[in-house]
Every structure is written in structure tokens, then in C-alpha cells.
Amino acid sequence: MKITMAHGSGGKSSQELMKDIFGKHFSNEVLDRMEDAAVLEVEGKIAFSTDSFVVTPLIFKGGDIGKLCVCGTVNDLLMMGAEPKYLTCGFILEEGLDTEVLEKAVASMAKQAKEAGVIIAAGDTKVVEGNGGMYINTTGIGLIPENRTVTAEGAKPGDAVIVSGNLGDHHACILSARMEIENDIASDCGCLKDITDALFEGGIDVHTMRDVTRGGLGTIINEIADTSGCRIDVEEKALPVDPEVRGFADILGLDPVYMGNEGKMIAIVPGEQAEEALALMKQTEHGKNAAIIGKVSEGSGTYMITPLGGSRVLDVLYGEGLPRIC
């Protein structure tokens, strides 16, 4: 079945869509009340984030827009040291969208939300003229435990920088799909809760965390250096990149340092805890390829240390990059 304007009318077609797809997969004690707003019990300091997802194609190796939107917003909460609790989701559907594609995305969202321990508490659907596209907005709320402070300005001289795994997988996957290039590159789209849980439960004094998305590692590192007022050096030879992704990037003239990811993060921790933190990350599903890639010191700026021991400025991404990656 295809989405038509009638599915956005609020009438019988809308009700059938809510029942047969959204209600089927999203059913929970909060959403099932069908009130005009969800009533939530939230105490203490919260993290609050919203994001919109417009990725093309809607389905790709390793994931789809549904998995992506839950993981993306949950990861943003996790990077603040929060325990994700609630999500909202707003769908904008273009007429002509196949309901099988929609249901696949909704099922992926439900699966990821369950794995992340979050409740989809409210949502909305609109239908617009178009050519079968789909866009999703998600907003998340997470609770930050007492005595836990994780911020970009928390990076300190003497800290180590750890990346959770191979760079550029999602970017290479999406670009391959758009260019119709056959390869085995799959998106790294995933929820990073296993890594953050391992770090905090292991007693690591995490100063800063960021997920490495649009703009890539180079851009994220620069933002942290600017906010913290410190210098960050990155060891080029320490950067983990899958050989197939590196080959793909070389052919197209891309640099994995500026390629986007949807299931990678950096953690900045005290230097004396770096090896312990690395070991904890490597024991998780999403951190098995983690590596210590740099250090924080006094000064300013961000630099790449070359294999020969020289250094060059590691700047932010300039230009367009790859649009509609998430």
C-alpha cells in the first residue's frame, strides 16, 4: 500500500495507519493512553535533545532511517552522561511512500528503543505532497545521575583521547548506495549505551564524550579544543579505519578524519585511566575496535602528528561534505 493524502486527514485512513503500523510497534503504557500530551515522571537534572533525520536512501546496509533516528538522539543524551528515558517522534511522510518501507522503519525504531531502555512517549504524523520520501524528528529526555558532569569544557591537560572504533563507515556506506557502488561496507549506525555503561560502571572519571557524526573526527576534536581552551594532538597512525573504507576513500579523494559516523564516539579521560578505559570499551559490541588516538595538553589548537613525527594543523571540515547523511 502507498501513503496518500488521506492518511494525513485525521479520519479513518489516519486511524488505520496509527493502529496497523505505529500502534502495532510502539505500544507502551504512556503512548497507549492516547492523550494530547504525555505525562512523565522526571526528577533531577535532565539532558534534552532534538534532531531531524532526512537520510537518503531510507534503507541502507546496516540500518535504516528508523534505526538511525533512535540511535542518533539516544547517543546525544548518552554523550552528556545521561541515562536515556523518553523519546518523541514526528513523521513527515510524502504521498507515494510504500507502507512496507514505513513499517520497516517503525519496527527498527521500536527495536532500538527497547534495546536502549527508552519509551517512545509521544508522536505525530503529517502527510505532504511528494515522491515517496520520509523525514523523522526525534526528541529525547535523559536523566543525569548526581555527581556526574560530562562536558566539552571538561577536557584537561594530561587527558587521553579514545575513539570507539573505525572511522568513516556510515559516510562510505551512504555514498556507496547513492553512487550504486557494490561493496561490503555497512553503516556503523548503533546505540553507544554499552560503551558509556562500561565506562561509568567501571569507575572511569570521564571528562568529555562526543559522538562522531557530521564533520567527522577532525571537526569534533576542534570543537572540544576550542571549548576547553586546551591543545589536542591526534596520532595519525593510531586512527582506526577499515581497509575497505580506506580504499574507498582513497579512490574518491576523501579523508576518513572528516567522514561522518553514526555509531562512534570519543571519550576524553584522565591519562592514568586511559588503558583501563580502553580495555573496558574493547569488551563491548560497539567498542571492540577502540583505540587511544591522542592527548590533551596546555595551549590551544588541534594538530595531527604524522607517522614521521611532524605535525600539521588539524582543521574543521570546510565545504559541503556529504549532505543528508543522517
C-alpha atoms as a PDB file:
ATOM      1  CA  MET A   1       0.000   0.000   0.000  1.00  0.00           C
ATOM      2  CA  LYS A   2       1.111   3.555  -0.698  1.00  0.00           C
ATOM      3  CA  ILE A   3       0.717   6.581   1.549  1.00  0.00           C
ATOM      4  CA  THR A   4      -1.908   9.010   0.281  1.00  0.00           C
ATOM      5  CA  MET A   5      -3.026  12.427   1.454  1.00  0.00           C
ATOM      6  CA  ALA A   6      -5.973  10.677   3.143  1.00  0.00           C
ATOM      7  CA  HIS A   7      -3.555   9.173   5.667  1.00  0.00           C
ATOM      8  CA  GLY A   8      -2.930  12.680   6.964  1.00  0.00           C
ATOM      9  CA  SER A   9      -6.556  13.729   7.153  1.00  0.00           C
ATOM     10  CA  GLY A  10      -7.244  12.631  10.716  1.00  0.00           C
ATOM     11  CA  GLY A  11     -10.035  10.334   9.522  1.00  0.00           C
ATOM     12  CA  LYS A  12     -10.391   6.598   9.026  1.00  0.00           C
ATOM     13  CA  SER A  13      -7.226   6.222   6.933  1.00  0.00           C
ATOM     14  CA  SER A  14      -5.228   8.028   9.617  1.00  0.00           C
ATOM     15  CA  GLN A  15      -6.695   5.811  12.317  1.00  0.00           C
ATOM     16  CA  GLU A  16      -5.831   2.674  10.354  1.00  0.00           C
ATOM     17  CA  LEU A  17      -2.261   3.895   9.905  1.00  0.00           C
ATOM     18  CA  MET A  18      -1.942   4.581  13.634  1.00  0.00           C
ATOM     19  CA  LYS A  19      -3.382   1.173  14.550  1.00  0.00           C
ATOM     20  CA  ASP A  20      -1.750  -1.045  11.924  1.00  0.00           C
ATOM     21  CA  ILE A  21       1.773   0.398  11.985  1.00  0.00           C
ATOM     22  CA  PHE A  22       2.524   2.845  14.805  1.00  0.00           C
ATOM     23  CA  GLY A  23       0.313   1.268  17.465  1.00  0.00           C
ATOM     24  CA  LYS A  24       1.455  -2.213  16.486  1.00  0.00           C
ATOM     25  CA  HIS A  25       5.133  -1.443  17.143  1.00  0.00           C
ATOM     26  CA  PHE A  26       5.153   1.480  19.591  1.00  0.00           C
ATOM     27  CA  SER A  27       2.579   0.279  22.138  1.00  0.00           C
ATOM     28  CA  ASN A  28       3.511   1.167  25.738  1.00  0.00           C
ATOM     29  CA  GLU A  29       1.812   2.333  28.917  1.00  0.00           C
ATOM     30  CA  VAL A  30       2.389   6.028  28.192  1.00  0.00           C
ATOM     31  CA  LEU A  31       1.602   6.162  24.485  1.00  0.00           C
ATOM     32  CA  ASP A  32      -1.429   3.857  24.717  1.00  0.00           C
ATOM     33  CA  ARG A  33      -3.334   6.459  26.750  1.00  0.00           C
ATOM     34  CA  MET A  34      -3.663   8.496  23.510  1.00  0.00           C
ATOM     35  CA  GLU A  35      -3.748  11.819  25.373  1.00  0.00           C
ATOM     36  CA  ASP A  36      -2.877  15.182  23.814  1.00  0.00           C
ATOM     37  CA  ALA A  37       0.405  15.126  25.736  1.00  0.00           C
ATOM     38  CA  ALA A  38       2.422  12.509  27.601  1.00  0.00           C
ATOM     39  CA  VAL A  39       2.621  12.884  31.370  1.00  0.00           C
ATOM     40  CA  LEU A  40       6.077  11.853  32.555  1.00  0.00           C
ATOM     41  CA  GLU A  41       7.704  11.474  35.938  1.00  0.00           C
ATOM     42  CA  VAL A  42      11.092  13.191  35.768  1.00  0.00           C
ATOM     43  CA  GLU A  43      13.180  14.246  38.766  1.00  0.00           C
ATOM     44  CA  GLY A  44      16.634  15.796  38.942  1.00  0.00           C
ATOM     45  CA  LYS A  45      18.889  17.171  36.224  1.00  0.00           C
ATOM     46  CA  ILE A  46      17.934  16.189  32.683  1.00  0.00           C
ATOM     47  CA  ALA A  47      19.576  16.153  29.259  1.00  0.00           C
ATOM     48  CA  PHE A  48      17.246  17.236  26.466  1.00  0.00           C
ATOM     49  CA  SER A  49      17.981  16.919  22.754  1.00  0.00           C
ATOM     50  CA  THR A  50      16.180  17.014  19.420  1.00  0.00           C
ATOM     51  CA  ASP A  51      17.253  16.000  15.934  1.00  0.00           C
ATOM     52  CA  SER A  52      15.719  15.602  12.475  1.00  0.00           C
ATOM     53  CA  PHE A  53      16.606  12.791  10.089  1.00  0.00           C
ATOM     54  CA  VAL A  54      16.454  13.173   6.322  1.00  0.00           C
ATOM     55  CA  VAL A  55      18.888  10.458   5.178  1.00  0.00           C
ATOM     56  CA  THR A  56      18.821   9.063   1.657  1.00  0.00           C
ATOM     57  CA  PRO A  57      18.448   6.234   0.907  1.00  0.00           C
ATOM     58  CA  LEU A  58      15.893   5.385   3.582  1.00  0.00           C
ATOM     59  CA  ILE A  59      17.232   1.828   3.868  1.00  0.00           C
ATOM     60  CA  PHE A  60      20.956   1.073   3.689  1.00  0.00           C
ATOM     61  CA  LYS A  61      23.410  -1.645   4.652  1.00  0.00           C
ATOM     62  CA  GLY A  62      23.488  -1.852   8.415  1.00  0.00           C
ATOM     63  CA  GLY A  63      20.352   0.159   9.090  1.00  0.00           C
ATOM     64  CA  ASP A  64      17.553   2.434   8.002  1.00  0.00           C
ATOM     65  CA  ILE A  65      16.134   5.843   8.896  1.00  0.00           C
ATOM     66  CA  GLY A  66      14.196   4.339  11.824  1.00  0.00           C
ATOM     67  CA  LYS A  67      17.220   2.788  13.490  1.00  0.00           C
ATOM     68  CA  LEU A  68      19.231   5.917  12.745  1.00  0.00           C
ATOM     69  CA  CYS A  69      16.821   8.362  14.367  1.00  0.00           C
ATOM     70  CA  VAL A  70      16.600   6.474  17.667  1.00  0.00           C
ATOM     71  CA  CYS A  71      20.345   5.804  17.872  1.00  0.00           C
ATOM     72  CA  GLY A  72      21.179   9.387  16.910  1.00  0.00           C
ATOM     73  CA  THR A  73      19.085  11.007  19.620  1.00  0.00           C
ATOM     74  CA  VAL A  74      19.872   8.411  22.283  1.00  0.00           C
ATOM     75  CA  ASN A  75      23.592   8.831  21.593  1.00  0.00           C
ATOM     76  CA  ASP A  76      23.318  12.606  22.020  1.00  0.00           C
ATOM     77  CA  LEU A  77      21.863  12.042  25.501  1.00  0.00           C
ATOM     78  CA  LEU A  78      24.480   9.443  26.367  1.00  0.00           C
ATOM     79  CA  MET A  79      27.289  11.847  25.461  1.00  0.00           C
ATOM     80  CA  MET A  80      26.148  14.114  28.283  1.00  0.00           C
ATOM     81  CA  GLY A  81      26.408  11.266  30.757  1.00  0.00           C
ATOM     82  CA  ALA A  82      22.625  10.857  30.848  1.00  0.00           C
ATOM     83  CA  GLU A  83      20.512   7.729  31.141  1.00  0.00           C
ATOM     84  CA  PRO A  84      18.017   7.979  28.217  1.00  0.00           C
ATOM     85  CA  LYS A  85      14.390   7.651  29.338  1.00  0.00           C
ATOM     86  CA  TYR A  86      11.899   9.061  26.827  1.00  0.00           C
ATOM     87  CA  LEU A  87      11.637   9.830  23.125  1.00  0.00           C
ATOM     88  CA  THR A  88       9.100  11.587  20.948  1.00  0.00           C
ATOM     89  CA  CYS A  89       8.915  11.056  17.196  1.00  0.00           C
ATOM     90  CA  GLY A  90       7.375  13.180  14.477  1.00  0.00           C
ATOM     91  CA  PHE A  91       6.935  11.722  10.984  1.00  0.00           C
ATOM     92  CA  ILE A  92       6.568  13.717   7.785  1.00  0.00           C
ATOM     93  CA  LEU A  93       5.541  11.286   5.048  1.00  0.00           C
ATOM     94  CA  GLU A  94       5.379  12.084   1.355  1.00  0.00           C
ATOM     95  CA  GLU A  95       2.492  10.632  -0.599  1.00  0.00           C
ATOM     96  CA  GLY A  96       3.580   7.604  -2.571  1.00  0.00           C
ATOM     97  CA  LEU A  97       5.699   6.195   0.271  1.00  0.00           C
ATOM     98  CA  ASP A  98       5.364   2.420   0.436  1.00  0.00           C
ATOM     99  CA  THR A  99       3.876   1.388   3.778  1.00  0.00           C
ATOM    100  CA  GLU A 100       6.265  -1.589   3.860  1.00  0.00           C
ATOM    101  CA  VAL A 101       9.174   0.862   3.987  1.00  0.00           C
ATOM    102  CA  LEU A 102       7.398   2.852   6.692  1.00  0.00           C
ATOM    103  CA  GLU A 103       6.721  -0.244   8.787  1.00  0.00           C
ATOM    104  CA  LYS A 104      10.335  -1.382   8.477  1.00  0.00           C
ATOM    105  CA  ALA A 105      11.474   1.991   9.837  1.00  0.00           C
ATOM    106  CA  VAL A 106       8.910   1.895  12.653  1.00  0.00           C
ATOM    107  CA  ALA A 107       9.875  -1.668  13.603  1.00  0.00           C
ATOM    108  CA  SER A 108      13.548  -0.642  13.680  1.00  0.00           C
ATOM    109  CA  MET A 109      12.705   2.285  15.948  1.00  0.00           C
ATOM    110  CA  ALA A 110      10.799   0.042  18.344  1.00  0.00           C
ATOM    111  CA  LYS A 111      13.658  -2.471  18.457  1.00  0.00           C
ATOM    112  CA  GLN A 112      16.317   0.169  19.107  1.00  0.00           C
ATOM    113  CA  ALA A 113      14.207   1.939  21.724  1.00  0.00           C
ATOM    114  CA  LYS A 114      13.757  -1.327  23.605  1.00  0.00           C
ATOM    115  CA  GLU A 115      17.484  -2.070  23.476  1.00  0.00           C
ATOM    116  CA  ALA A 116      18.285   1.450  24.695  1.00  0.00           C
ATOM    117  CA  GLY A 117      15.737   1.254  27.505  1.00  0.00           C
ATOM    118  CA  VAL A 118      13.720   4.268  26.334  1.00  0.00           C
ATOM    119  CA  ILE A 119       9.972   4.738  26.000  1.00  0.00           C
ATOM    120  CA  ILE A 120       8.531   6.384  22.883  1.00  0.00           C
ATOM    121  CA  ALA A 121       6.100   8.580  24.780  1.00  0.00           C
ATOM    122  CA  ALA A 122       4.548  10.812  22.112  1.00  0.00           C
ATOM    123  CA  GLY A 123       4.449  11.244  18.368  1.00  0.00           C
ATOM    124  CA  ASP A 124       2.856  12.895  15.367  1.00  0.00           C
ATOM    125  CA  THR A 125       2.389  12.160  11.673  1.00  0.00           C
ATOM    126  CA  LYS A 126       1.856  14.534   8.763  1.00  0.00           C
ATOM    127  CA  VAL A 127       1.441  13.679   5.088  1.00  0.00           C
ATOM    128  CA  VAL A 128       2.596  16.072   2.359  1.00  0.00           C
ATOM    129  CA  GLU A 129       2.776  16.052  -1.412  1.00  0.00           C
ATOM    130  CA  GLY A 130       5.933  14.466  -2.739  1.00  0.00           C
ATOM    131  CA  ASN A 131       7.607  11.424  -4.227  1.00  0.00           C
ATOM    132  CA  GLY A 132       7.627   8.783  -1.535  1.00  0.00           C
ATOM    133  CA  GLY A 133      10.091  10.302   0.924  1.00  0.00           C
ATOM    134  CA  MET A 134      10.092  10.202   4.714  1.00  0.00           C
ATOM    135  CA  TYR A 135      11.538  12.502   7.374  1.00  0.00           C
ATOM    136  CA  ILE A 136      11.588  11.889  11.116  1.00  0.00           C
ATOM    137  CA  ASN A 137      12.182  14.210  14.052  1.00  0.00           C
ATOM    138  CA  THR A 138      13.026  12.721  17.434  1.00  0.00           C
ATOM    139  CA  THR A 139      13.356  14.464  20.785  1.00  0.00           C
ATOM    140  CA  GLY A 140      14.843  12.753  23.797  1.00  0.00           C
ATOM    141  CA  ILE A 141      14.985  13.203  27.554  1.00  0.00           C
ATOM    142  CA  GLY A 142      17.583  11.572  29.776  1.00  0.00           C
ATOM    143  CA  LEU A 143      18.345  11.749  33.478  1.00  0.00           C
ATOM    144  CA  ILE A 144      21.851  12.746  34.575  1.00  0.00           C
ATOM    145  CA  PRO A 145      22.922  10.947  37.777  1.00  0.00           C
ATOM    146  CA  GLU A 146      24.114  13.069  40.677  1.00  0.00           C
ATOM    147  CA  ASN A 147      27.825  13.899  40.744  1.00  0.00           C
ATOM    148  CA  ARG A 148      28.218  13.136  37.031  1.00  0.00           C
ATOM    149  CA  THR A 149      29.430  16.004  34.861  1.00  0.00           C
ATOM    150  CA  VAL A 150      30.430  15.355  31.269  1.00  0.00           C
ATOM    151  CA  THR A 151      31.009  18.439  29.117  1.00  0.00           C
ATOM    152  CA  ALA A 152      33.164  19.608  26.230  1.00  0.00           C
ATOM    153  CA  GLU A 153      34.887  22.088  28.537  1.00  0.00           C
ATOM    154  CA  GLY A 154      35.833  19.251  30.889  1.00  0.00           C
ATOM    155  CA  ALA A 155      38.879  18.177  28.853  1.00  0.00           C
ATOM    156  CA  LYS A 156      42.074  18.878  30.814  1.00  0.00           C
ATOM    157  CA  PRO A 157      45.834  18.799  30.159  1.00  0.00           C
ATOM    158  CA  GLY A 158      47.092  15.275  30.731  1.00  0.00           C
ATOM    159  CA  ASP A 159      43.891  13.645  29.449  1.00  0.00           C
ATOM    160  CA  ALA A 160      43.872  10.937  26.786  1.00  0.00           C
ATOM    161  CA  VAL A 161      41.569  10.831  23.766  1.00  0.00           C
ATOM    162  CA  ILE A 162      39.976   7.481  22.881  1.00  0.00           C
ATOM    163  CA  VAL A 163      37.883   6.774  19.786  1.00  0.00           C
ATOM    164  CA  SER A 164      35.471   3.836  19.974  1.00  0.00           C
ATOM    165  CA  GLY A 165      36.159   2.325  16.552  1.00  0.00           C
ATOM    166  CA  ASN A 166      36.725   2.599  12.819  1.00  0.00           C
ATOM    167  CA  LEU A 167      36.115   5.962  11.183  1.00  0.00           C
ATOM    168  CA  GLY A 168      34.012   6.723   8.115  1.00  0.00           C
ATOM    169  CA  ASP A 169      31.851   3.591   7.850  1.00  0.00           C
ATOM    170  CA  HIS A 170      28.466   5.331   7.693  1.00  0.00           C
ATOM    171  CA  HIS A 171      29.643   8.018   5.278  1.00  0.00           C
ATOM    172  CA  ALA A 172      31.165   5.415   2.941  1.00  0.00           C
ATOM    173  CA  CYS A 173      28.051   3.223   3.147  1.00  0.00           C
ATOM    174  CA  ILE A 174      25.637   6.033   2.244  1.00  0.00           C
ATOM    175  CA  LEU A 175      27.840   7.365  -0.544  1.00  0.00           C
ATOM    176  CA  SER A 176      28.265   3.859  -1.980  1.00  0.00           C
ATOM    177  CA  ALA A 177      24.491   3.407  -2.059  1.00  0.00           C
ATOM    178  CA  ARG A 178      23.923   6.733  -3.807  1.00  0.00           C
ATOM    179  CA  MET A 179      26.641   6.046  -6.365  1.00  0.00           C
ATOM    180  CA  GLU A 180      25.418   2.448  -6.835  1.00  0.00           C
ATOM    181  CA  ILE A 181      28.864   1.085  -5.991  1.00  0.00           C
ATOM    182  CA  GLU A 182      28.828  -2.551  -4.888  1.00  0.00           C
ATOM    183  CA  ASN A 183      30.943  -3.305  -1.819  1.00  0.00           C
ATOM    184  CA  ASP A 184      30.659  -4.805   1.658  1.00  0.00           C
ATOM    185  CA  ILE A 185      30.769  -1.513   3.568  1.00  0.00           C
ATOM    186  CA  ALA A 186      27.950  -1.288   6.114  1.00  0.00           C
ATOM    187  CA  SER A 187      26.893   1.628   8.270  1.00  0.00           C
ATOM    188  CA  ASP A 188      28.135   1.720  11.850  1.00  0.00           C
ATOM    189  CA  CYS A 189      24.732   3.026  12.973  1.00  0.00           C
ATOM    190  CA  GLY A 190      24.264   1.900  16.568  1.00  0.00           C
ATOM    191  CA  CYS A 191      23.430   2.833  20.144  1.00  0.00           C
ATOM    192  CA  LEU A 192      26.521   3.530  22.246  1.00  0.00           C
ATOM    193  CA  LYS A 193      24.948   2.723  25.615  1.00  0.00           C
ATOM    194  CA  ASP A 194      27.054  -0.396  26.060  1.00  0.00           C
ATOM    195  CA  ILE A 195      30.200   1.747  25.932  1.00  0.00           C
ATOM    196  CA  THR A 196      29.015   4.507  28.259  1.00  0.00           C
ATOM    197  CA  ASP A 197      27.663   1.957  30.742  1.00  0.00           C
ATOM    198  CA  ALA A 198      31.009   0.140  30.725  1.00  0.00           C
ATOM    199  CA  LEU A 199      32.948   3.342  31.385  1.00  0.00           C
ATOM    200  CA  PHE A 200      30.790   4.625  34.225  1.00  0.00           C
ATOM    201  CA  GLU A 201      30.230   1.236  35.857  1.00  0.00           C
ATOM    202  CA  GLY A 202      33.986   0.681  35.610  1.00  0.00           C
ATOM    203  CA  GLY A 203      34.653   3.814  37.644  1.00  0.00           C
ATOM    204  CA  ILE A 204      36.264   5.842  34.843  1.00  0.00           C
ATOM    205  CA  ASP A 205      36.288   9.596  35.501  1.00  0.00           C
ATOM    206  CA  VAL A 206      35.009  10.573  32.058  1.00  0.00           C
ATOM    207  CA  HIS A 207      35.598  14.272  31.386  1.00  0.00           C
ATOM    208  CA  THR A 208      34.195  14.618  27.864  1.00  0.00           C
ATOM    209  CA  MET A 209      32.269  12.498  25.359  1.00  0.00           C
ATOM    210  CA  ARG A 210      31.075  13.305  21.851  1.00  0.00           C
ATOM    211  CA  ASP A 211      29.604  11.141  19.117  1.00  0.00           C
ATOM    212  CA  VAL A 212      31.493  11.470  15.854  1.00  0.00           C
ATOM    213  CA  THR A 213      28.842  12.364  13.278  1.00  0.00           C
ATOM    214  CA  ARG A 214      28.694  15.029  10.560  1.00  0.00           C
ATOM    215  CA  GLY A 215      32.000  16.831  10.093  1.00  0.00           C
ATOM    216  CA  GLY A 216      33.905  13.795  11.324  1.00  0.00           C
ATOM    217  CA  LEU A 217      36.545  13.412  13.983  1.00  0.00           C
ATOM    218  CA  GLY A 218      38.519  16.462  12.869  1.00  0.00           C
ATOM    219  CA  THR A 219      35.594  18.821  13.398  1.00  0.00           C
ATOM    220  CA  ILE A 220      34.582  17.300  16.748  1.00  0.00           C
ATOM    221  CA  ILE A 221      38.141  17.475  18.118  1.00  0.00           C
ATOM    222  CA  ASN A 222      38.388  21.147  17.132  1.00  0.00           C
ATOM    223  CA  GLU A 223      35.122  21.966  18.882  1.00  0.00           C
ATOM    224  CA  ILE A 224      36.333  20.336  22.102  1.00  0.00           C
ATOM    225  CA  ALA A 225      39.718  22.086  21.946  1.00  0.00           C
ATOM    226  CA  ASP A 226      38.021  25.464  21.450  1.00  0.00           C
ATOM    227  CA  THR A 227      35.511  24.938  24.261  1.00  0.00           C
ATOM    228  CA  SER A 228      38.017  23.568  26.777  1.00  0.00           C
ATOM    229  CA  GLY A 229      40.768  26.062  25.949  1.00  0.00           C
ATOM    230  CA  CYS A 230      43.299  23.256  25.505  1.00  0.00           C
ATOM    231  CA  ARG A 231      45.502  21.827  22.781  1.00  0.00           C
ATOM    232  CA  ILE A 232      44.687  18.388  21.389  1.00  0.00           C
ATOM    233  CA  ASP A 233      47.181  16.278  19.425  1.00  0.00           C
ATOM    234  CA  VAL A 234      45.959  13.311  17.382  1.00  0.00           C
ATOM    235  CA  GLU A 235      48.274  10.499  16.292  1.00  0.00           C
ATOM    236  CA  GLU A 236      47.597   9.800  12.613  1.00  0.00           C
ATOM    237  CA  LYS A 237      48.981   6.245  12.753  1.00  0.00           C
ATOM    238  CA  ALA A 238      46.679   5.413  15.682  1.00  0.00           C
ATOM    239  CA  LEU A 239      43.430   6.217  13.834  1.00  0.00           C
ATOM    240  CA  PRO A 240      41.396   3.043  13.204  1.00  0.00           C
ATOM    241  CA  VAL A 241      39.981   2.792   9.670  1.00  0.00           C
ATOM    242  CA  ASP A 242      38.622  -0.334   7.975  1.00  0.00           C
ATOM    243  CA  PRO A 243      40.817  -1.232   4.959  1.00  0.00           C
ATOM    244  CA  GLU A 244      37.843  -1.300   2.585  1.00  0.00           C
ATOM    245  CA  VAL A 245      36.684   2.124   3.769  1.00  0.00           C
ATOM    246  CA  ARG A 246      40.210   3.491   3.427  1.00  0.00           C
ATOM    247  CA  GLY A 247      40.455   2.152  -0.115  1.00  0.00           C
ATOM    248  CA  PHE A 248      37.061   3.611  -0.981  1.00  0.00           C
ATOM    249  CA  ALA A 249      38.066   6.977   0.479  1.00  0.00           C
ATOM    250  CA  ASP A 250      41.387   6.997  -1.376  1.00  0.00           C
ATOM    251  CA  ILE A 251      39.688   6.378  -4.724  1.00  0.00           C
ATOM    252  CA  LEU A 252      37.284   9.283  -4.186  1.00  0.00           C
ATOM    253  CA  GLY A 253      39.823  11.617  -2.575  1.00  0.00           C
ATOM    254  CA  LEU A 254      38.125  11.576   0.832  1.00  0.00           C
ATOM    255  CA  ASP A 255      39.757  11.792   4.253  1.00  0.00           C
ATOM    256  CA  PRO A 256      38.296   9.441   6.934  1.00  0.00           C
ATOM    257  CA  VAL A 257      39.073  12.121   9.541  1.00  0.00           C
ATOM    258  CA  TYR A 258      36.240  14.205   8.060  1.00  0.00           C
ATOM    259  CA  MET A 259      33.854  11.379   7.161  1.00  0.00           C
ATOM    260  CA  GLY A 260      30.690  11.005   9.208  1.00  0.00           C
ATOM    261  CA  ASN A 261      29.778   8.122  11.505  1.00  0.00           C
ATOM    262  CA  GLU A 262      26.588   7.146  13.318  1.00  0.00           C
ATOM    263  CA  GLY A 263      27.906   4.690  15.875  1.00  0.00           C
ATOM    264  CA  LYS A 264      31.253   6.068  17.002  1.00  0.00           C
ATOM    265  CA  MET A 265      32.270   8.322  19.878  1.00  0.00           C
ATOM    266  CA  ILE A 266      35.302   9.791  21.533  1.00  0.00           C
ATOM    267  CA  ALA A 267      35.901   9.709  25.265  1.00  0.00           C
ATOM    268  CA  ILE A 268      38.391  12.003  26.969  1.00  0.00           C
ATOM    269  CA  VAL A 269      39.589  10.560  30.246  1.00  0.00           C
ATOM    270  CA  PRO A 270      42.478  11.116  32.690  1.00  0.00           C
ATOM    271  CA  GLY A 271      45.722   9.847  31.188  1.00  0.00           C
ATOM    272  CA  GLU A 272      46.303   7.460  34.086  1.00  0.00           C
ATOM    273  CA  GLN A 273      42.945   5.776  33.359  1.00  0.00           C
ATOM    274  CA  ALA A 274      43.381   5.561  29.579  1.00  0.00           C
ATOM    275  CA  GLU A 275      44.440   1.913  29.344  1.00  0.00           C
ATOM    276  CA  GLU A 276      41.727   0.813  31.759  1.00  0.00           C
ATOM    277  CA  ALA A 277      39.089   2.769  29.831  1.00  0.00           C
ATOM    278  CA  LEU A 278      40.314   1.310  26.543  1.00  0.00           C
ATOM    279  CA  ALA A 279      40.074  -2.233  27.899  1.00  0.00           C
ATOM    280  CA  LEU A 280      36.509  -1.613  29.084  1.00  0.00           C
ATOM    281  CA  MET A 281      35.475  -0.219  25.701  1.00  0.00           C
ATOM    282  CA  LYS A 282      37.030  -3.127  23.820  1.00  0.00           C
ATOM    283  CA  GLN A 283      34.856  -5.560  25.778  1.00  0.00           C
ATOM    284  CA  THR A 284      31.672  -4.034  24.319  1.00  0.00           C
ATOM    285  CA  GLU A 285      29.984  -4.718  20.982  1.00  0.00           C
ATOM    286  CA  HIS A 286      30.386  -1.154  19.717  1.00  0.00           C
ATOM    287  CA  GLY A 287      33.853  -0.544  21.149  1.00  0.00           C
ATOM    288  CA  LYS A 288      35.806  -3.612  20.053  1.00  0.00           C
ATOM    289  CA  ASN A 289      37.971  -1.560  17.657  1.00  0.00           C
ATOM    290  CA  ALA A 290      38.591   1.282  20.107  1.00  0.00           C
ATOM    291  CA  ALA A 291      41.973   2.987  20.154  1.00  0.00           C
ATOM    292  CA  ILE A 292      43.826   5.677  22.106  1.00  0.00           C
ATOM    293  CA  ILE A 293      44.447   8.303  19.451  1.00  0.00           C
ATOM    294  CA  GLY A 294      45.693  11.429  21.179  1.00  0.00           C
ATOM    295  CA  LYS A 295      46.265  13.593  24.207  1.00  0.00           C
ATOM    296  CA  VAL A 296      45.215  16.902  25.704  1.00  0.00           C
ATOM    297  CA  SER A 297      47.819  19.444  26.769  1.00  0.00           C
ATOM    298  CA  GLU A 298      48.154  23.103  27.680  1.00  0.00           C
ATOM    299  CA  GLY A 299      47.911  25.545  24.799  1.00  0.00           C
ATOM    300  CA  SER A 300      45.388  25.858  22.008  1.00  0.00           C
ATOM    301  CA  GLY A 301      44.536  24.362  18.651  1.00  0.00           C
ATOM    302  CA  THR A 302      44.320  20.884  17.221  1.00  0.00           C
ATOM    303  CA  TYR A 303      47.198  19.101  15.495  1.00  0.00           C
ATOM    304  CA  MET A 304      47.763  15.862  13.630  1.00  0.00           C
ATOM    305  CA  ILE A 305      51.013  14.109  14.493  1.00  0.00           C
ATOM    306  CA  THR A 306      52.267  12.394  11.337  1.00  0.00           C
ATOM    307  CA  PRO A 307      53.901   8.929  11.251  1.00  0.00           C
ATOM    308  CA  LEU A 308      57.272  10.653  10.783  1.00  0.00           C
ATOM    309  CA  GLY A 309      56.826  12.694  13.949  1.00  0.00           C
ATOM    310  CA  GLY A 310      55.947  16.005  12.337  1.00  0.00           C
ATOM    311  CA  SER A 311      52.751  17.913  12.986  1.00  0.00           C
ATOM    312  CA  ARG A 312      50.192  19.783  10.941  1.00  0.00           C
ATOM    313  CA  VAL A 313      47.095  21.731  11.837  1.00  0.00           C
ATOM    314  CA  LEU A 314      44.002  19.546  12.022  1.00  0.00           C
ATOM    315  CA  ASP A 315      41.260  21.920  10.958  1.00  0.00           C
ATOM    316  CA  VAL A 316      37.474  21.651  10.816  1.00  0.00           C
ATOM    317  CA  LEU A 317      35.685  20.376   7.732  1.00  0.00           C
ATOM    318  CA  TYR A 318      35.353  23.025   5.037  1.00  0.00           C
ATOM    319  CA  GLY A 319      32.790  22.884   2.262  1.00  0.00           C
ATOM    320  CA  GLU A 320      29.636  20.860   1.873  1.00  0.00           C
ATOM    321  CA  GLY A 321      30.735  17.380   2.849  1.00  0.00           C
ATOM    322  CA  LEU A 322      28.043  14.753   2.216  1.00  0.00           C
ATOM    323  CA  PRO A 323      24.517  16.124   2.710  1.00  0.00           C
ATOM    324  CA  ARG A 324      21.610  14.022   4.007  1.00  0.00           C
ATOM    325  CA  ILE A 325      23.882  11.552   5.742  1.00  0.00           C
ATOM    326  CA  CYS A 326      21.510  11.408   8.726  1.00  0.00           C
END
